[in-house]
Amino acid sequence: MRNANPRRHYPTAQVASSFGSAQSARIILGTWMIVVAVLSLWLATL
């Protein structure tokens, strides 16, 4: 499935999604956890 159609116009996007999907999801979840924690602390100080 990875090298089925290497001459299409989206092999780089496919490779990037297959390689960085878990890492990007981890980064997004981490940033959202940090944002939620900061917002909760800021609202608590109000």
PDB file of N, CA and C in Angstrom:
ATOM      1  N   MET A   1       0.839  -1.206   0.000  1.00  0.00           N
ATOM      2  CA  MET A   1       0.000   0.000   0.000  1.00  0.00           C
ATOM      3  C   MET A   1       0.872   1.255   0.000  1.00  0.00           C
ATOM      4  N   ARG A   2       2.066   1.138   0.544  1.00  0.00           N
ATOM      5  CA  ARG A   2       2.913   2.319   0.611  1.00  0.00           C
ATOM      6  C   ARG A   2       3.481   2.653  -0.764  1.00  0.00           C
ATOM      7  N   ASN A   3       3.989   1.647  -1.470  1.00  0.00           N
ATOM      8  CA  ASN A   3       4.615   1.877  -2.770  1.00  0.00           C
ATOM      9  C   ASN A   3       3.735   1.362  -3.899  1.00  0.00           C
ATOM     10  N   ALA A   4       2.421   1.416  -3.724  1.00  0.00           N
ATOM     11  CA  ALA A   4       1.519   0.952  -4.778  1.00  0.00           C
ATOM     12  C   ALA A   4       1.536   1.935  -5.948  1.00  0.00           C
ATOM     13  N   ASN A   5       1.405   3.232  -5.663  1.00  0.00           N
ATOM     14  CA  ASN A   5       1.417   4.257  -6.710  1.00  0.00           C
ATOM     15  C   ASN A   5       2.427   5.342  -6.330  1.00  0.00           C
ATOM     16  N   PRO A   6       3.710   5.105  -6.542  1.00  0.00           N
ATOM     17  CA  PRO A   6       4.703   6.100  -6.116  1.00  0.00           C
ATOM     18  C   PRO A   6       4.750   7.324  -7.022  1.00  0.00           C
ATOM     19  N   ARG A   7       4.118   7.229  -8.210  1.00  0.00           N
ATOM     20  CA  ARG A   7       4.182   8.345  -9.153  1.00  0.00           C
ATOM     21  C   ARG A   7       2.978   9.276  -9.032  1.00  0.00           C
ATOM     22  N   ARG A   8       2.149   9.069  -8.021  1.00  0.00           N
ATOM     23  CA  ARG A   8       1.027   9.996  -7.829  1.00  0.00           C
ATOM     24  C   ARG A   8       1.545  11.301  -7.228  1.00  0.00           C
ATOM     25  N   HIS A   9       0.630  12.234  -6.974  1.00  0.00           N
ATOM     26  CA  HIS A   9       1.047  13.540  -6.479  1.00  0.00           C
ATOM     27  C   HIS A   9       0.907  13.644  -4.963  1.00  0.00           C
ATOM     28  N   TYR A  10       0.748  12.499  -4.285  1.00  0.00           N
ATOM     29  CA  TYR A  10       0.645  12.557  -2.829  1.00  0.00           C
ATOM     30  C   TYR A  10       1.432  11.467  -2.112  1.00  0.00           C
ATOM     31  N   PRO A  11       2.580  11.009  -2.660  1.00  0.00           N
ATOM     32  CA  PRO A  11       3.339  10.021  -1.884  1.00  0.00           C
ATOM     33  C   PRO A  11       4.017  10.632  -0.666  1.00  0.00           C
ATOM     34  N   THR A  12       4.461  11.893  -0.800  1.00  0.00           N
ATOM     35  CA  THR A  12       5.118  12.539   0.333  1.00  0.00           C
ATOM     36  C   THR A  12       4.129  12.756   1.469  1.00  0.00           C
ATOM     37  N   ALA A  13       2.908  13.148   1.121  1.00  0.00           N
ATOM     38  CA  ALA A  13       1.899  13.347   2.164  1.00  0.00           C
ATOM     39  C   ALA A  13       1.548  12.017   2.821  1.00  0.00           C
ATOM     40  N   GLN A  14       1.466  10.965   2.022  1.00  0.00           N
ATOM     41  CA  GLN A  14       1.159   9.649   2.585  1.00  0.00           C
ATOM     42  C   GLN A  14       2.270   9.202   3.530  1.00  0.00           C
ATOM     43  N   VAL A  15       3.516   9.373   3.101  1.00  0.00           N
ATOM     44  CA  VAL A  15       4.644   8.961   3.937  1.00  0.00           C
ATOM     45  C   VAL A  15       4.694   9.805   5.204  1.00  0.00           C
ATOM     46  N   ALA A  16       4.478  11.111   5.062  1.00  0.00           N
ATOM     47  CA  ALA A  16       4.509  11.980   6.230  1.00  0.00           C
ATOM     48  C   ALA A  16       3.395  11.620   7.202  1.00  0.00           C
ATOM     49  N   SER A  17       2.213  11.313   6.666  1.00  0.00           N
ATOM     50  CA  SER A  17       1.101  10.964   7.549  1.00  0.00           C
ATOM     51  C   SER A  17       1.363   9.630   8.230  1.00  0.00           C
ATOM     52  N   SER A  18       1.931   8.672   7.496  1.00  0.00           N
ATOM     53  CA  SER A  18       2.181   7.359   8.089  1.00  0.00           C
ATOM     54  C   SER A  18       3.307   7.437   9.110  1.00  0.00           C
ATOM     55  N   PHE A  19       4.284   8.319   8.882  1.00  0.00           N
ATOM     56  CA  PHE A  19       5.408   8.407   9.807  1.00  0.00           C
ATOM     57  C   PHE A  19       5.100   9.326  10.983  1.00  0.00           C
ATOM     58  N   GLY A  20       4.423  10.456  10.745  1.00  0.00           N
ATOM     59  CA  GLY A  20       4.260  11.451  11.795  1.00  0.00           C
ATOM     60  C   GLY A  20       2.873  11.521  12.378  1.00  0.00           C
ATOM     61  N   SER A  21       2.020  10.534  12.084  1.00  0.00           N
ATOM     62  CA  SER A  21       0.660  10.599  12.621  1.00  0.00           C
ATOM     63  C   SER A  21       0.680  10.424  14.131  1.00  0.00           C
ATOM     64  N   ALA A  22       1.417   9.422  14.614  1.00  0.00           N
ATOM     65  CA  ALA A  22       1.460   9.169  16.057  1.00  0.00           C
ATOM     66  C   ALA A  22       2.188  10.307  16.768  1.00  0.00           C
ATOM     67  N   GLN A  23       3.299  10.768  16.173  1.00  0.00           N
ATOM     68  CA  GLN A  23       4.070  11.824  16.824  1.00  0.00           C
ATOM     69  C   GLN A  23       3.283  13.131  16.848  1.00  0.00           C
ATOM     70  N   SER A  24       2.614  13.467  15.743  1.00  0.00           N
ATOM     71  CA  SER A  24       1.843  14.707  15.698  1.00  0.00           C
ATOM     72  C   SER A  24       0.665  14.635  16.658  1.00  0.00           C
ATOM     73  N   ALA A  25       0.021  13.473  16.749  1.00  0.00           N
ATOM     74  CA  ALA A  25      -1.085  13.330  17.699  1.00  0.00           C
ATOM     75  C   ALA A  25      -0.571  13.485  19.123  1.00  0.00           C
ATOM     76  N   ARG A  26       0.606  12.925  19.401  1.00  0.00           N
ATOM     77  CA  ARG A  26       1.182  13.052  20.737  1.00  0.00           C
ATOM     78  C   ARG A  26       1.492  14.509  21.046  1.00  0.00           C
ATOM     79  N   ILE A  27       2.073  15.221  20.062  1.00  0.00           N
ATOM     80  CA  ILE A  27       2.424  16.631  20.275  1.00  0.00           C
ATOM     81  C   ILE A  27       1.162  17.462  20.469  1.00  0.00           C
ATOM     82  N   ILE A  28       0.128  17.201  19.648  1.00  0.00           N
ATOM     83  CA  ILE A  28      -1.118  17.965  19.760  1.00  0.00           C
ATOM     84  C   ILE A  28      -1.768  17.715  21.112  1.00  0.00           C
ATOM     85  N   LEU A  29      -1.789  16.448  21.542  1.00  0.00           N
ATOM     86  CA  LEU A  29      -2.389  16.133  22.839  1.00  0.00           C
ATOM     87  C   LEU A  29      -1.600  16.791  23.963  1.00  0.00           C
ATOM     88  N   GLY A  30      -0.273  16.778  23.860  1.00  0.00           N
ATOM     89  CA  GLY A  30       0.545  17.400  24.892  1.00  0.00           C
ATOM     90  C   GLY A  30       0.326  18.904  24.962  1.00  0.00           C
ATOM     91  N   THR A  31       0.276  19.560  23.799  1.00  0.00           N
ATOM     92  CA  THR A  31       0.058  21.003  23.789  1.00  0.00           C
ATOM     93  C   THR A  31      -1.328  21.348  24.325  1.00  0.00           C
ATOM     94  N   TRP A  32      -2.343  20.532  23.975  1.00  0.00           N
ATOM     95  CA  TRP A  32      -3.687  20.812  24.476  1.00  0.00           C
ATOM     96  C   TRP A  32      -3.764  20.608  25.980  1.00  0.00           C
ATOM     97  N   MET A  33      -3.047  19.593  26.504  1.00  0.00           N
ATOM     98  CA  MET A  33      -3.029  19.385  27.952  1.00  0.00           C
ATOM     99  C   MET A  33      -2.384  20.580  28.645  1.00  0.00           C
ATOM    100  N   ILE A  34      -1.286  21.095  28.061  1.00  0.00           N
ATOM    101  CA  ILE A  34      -0.608  22.255  28.651  1.00  0.00           C
ATOM    102  C   ILE A  34      -1.520  23.471  28.603  1.00  0.00           C
ATOM    103  N   VAL A  35      -2.198  23.673  27.464  1.00  0.00           N
ATOM    104  CA  VAL A  35      -3.090  24.830  27.324  1.00  0.00           C
ATOM    105  C   VAL A  35      -4.235  24.738  28.323  1.00  0.00           C
ATOM    106  N   VAL A  36      -4.814  23.551  28.460  1.00  0.00           N
ATOM    107  CA  VAL A  36      -5.930  23.383  29.401  1.00  0.00           C
ATOM    108  C   VAL A  36      -5.455  23.613  30.831  1.00  0.00           C
ATOM    109  N   ALA A  37      -4.263  23.122  31.170  1.00  0.00           N
ATOM    110  CA  ALA A  37      -3.742  23.317  32.522  1.00  0.00           C
ATOM    111  C   ALA A  37      -3.495  24.798  32.794  1.00  0.00           C
ATOM    112  N   VAL A  38      -2.902  25.500  31.824  1.00  0.00           N
ATOM    113  CA  VAL A  38      -2.620  26.928  32.012  1.00  0.00           C
ATOM    114  C   VAL A  38      -3.925  27.713  32.133  1.00  0.00           C
ATOM    115  N   LEU A  39      -4.916  27.383  31.299  1.00  0.00           N
ATOM    116  CA  LEU A  39      -6.191  28.094  31.365  1.00  0.00           C
ATOM    117  C   LEU A  39      -6.894  27.829  32.686  1.00  0.00           C
ATOM    118  N   SER A  40      -6.838  26.590  33.164  1.00  0.00           N
ATOM    119  CA  SER A  40      -7.489  26.279  34.438  1.00  0.00           C
ATOM    120  C   SER A  40      -6.802  27.022  35.580  1.00  0.00           C
ATOM    121  N   LEU A  41      -5.474  27.079  35.551  1.00  0.00           N
ATOM    122  CA  LEU A  41      -4.761  27.807  36.602  1.00  0.00           C
ATOM    123  C   LEU A  41      -5.070  29.300  36.521  1.00  0.00           C
ATOM    124  N   TRP A  42      -5.133  29.851  35.289  1.00  0.00           N
ATOM    125  CA  TRP A  42      -5.413  31.274  35.131  1.00  0.00           C
ATOM    126  C   TRP A  42      -6.826  31.597  35.611  1.00  0.00           C
ATOM    127  N   LEU A  43      -7.781  30.725  35.303  1.00  0.00           N
ATOM    128  CA  LEU A  43      -9.150  30.941  35.771  1.00  0.00           C
ATOM    129  C   LEU A  43      -9.231  30.777  37.280  1.00  0.00           C
ATOM    130  N   ALA A  44      -8.409  29.915  37.852  1.00  0.00           N
ATOM    131  CA  ALA A  44      -8.419  29.737  39.303  1.00  0.00           C
ATOM    132  C   ALA A  44      -7.861  30.979  39.993  1.00  0.00           C
ATOM    133  N   THR A  45      -6.903  31.662  39.353  1.00  0.00           N
ATOM    134  CA  THR A  45      -6.332  32.855  39.967  1.00  0.00           C
ATOM    135  C   THR A  45      -7.253  34.052  39.799  1.00  0.00           C
ATOM    136  N   LEU A  46      -8.211  33.979  38.886  1.00  0.00           N
ATOM    137  CA  LEU A  46      -9.186  35.062  38.775  1.00  0.00           C
ATOM    138  C   LEU A  46     -10.125  34.988  39.965  1.00  0.00           C
TER     139      LEU A  46
END
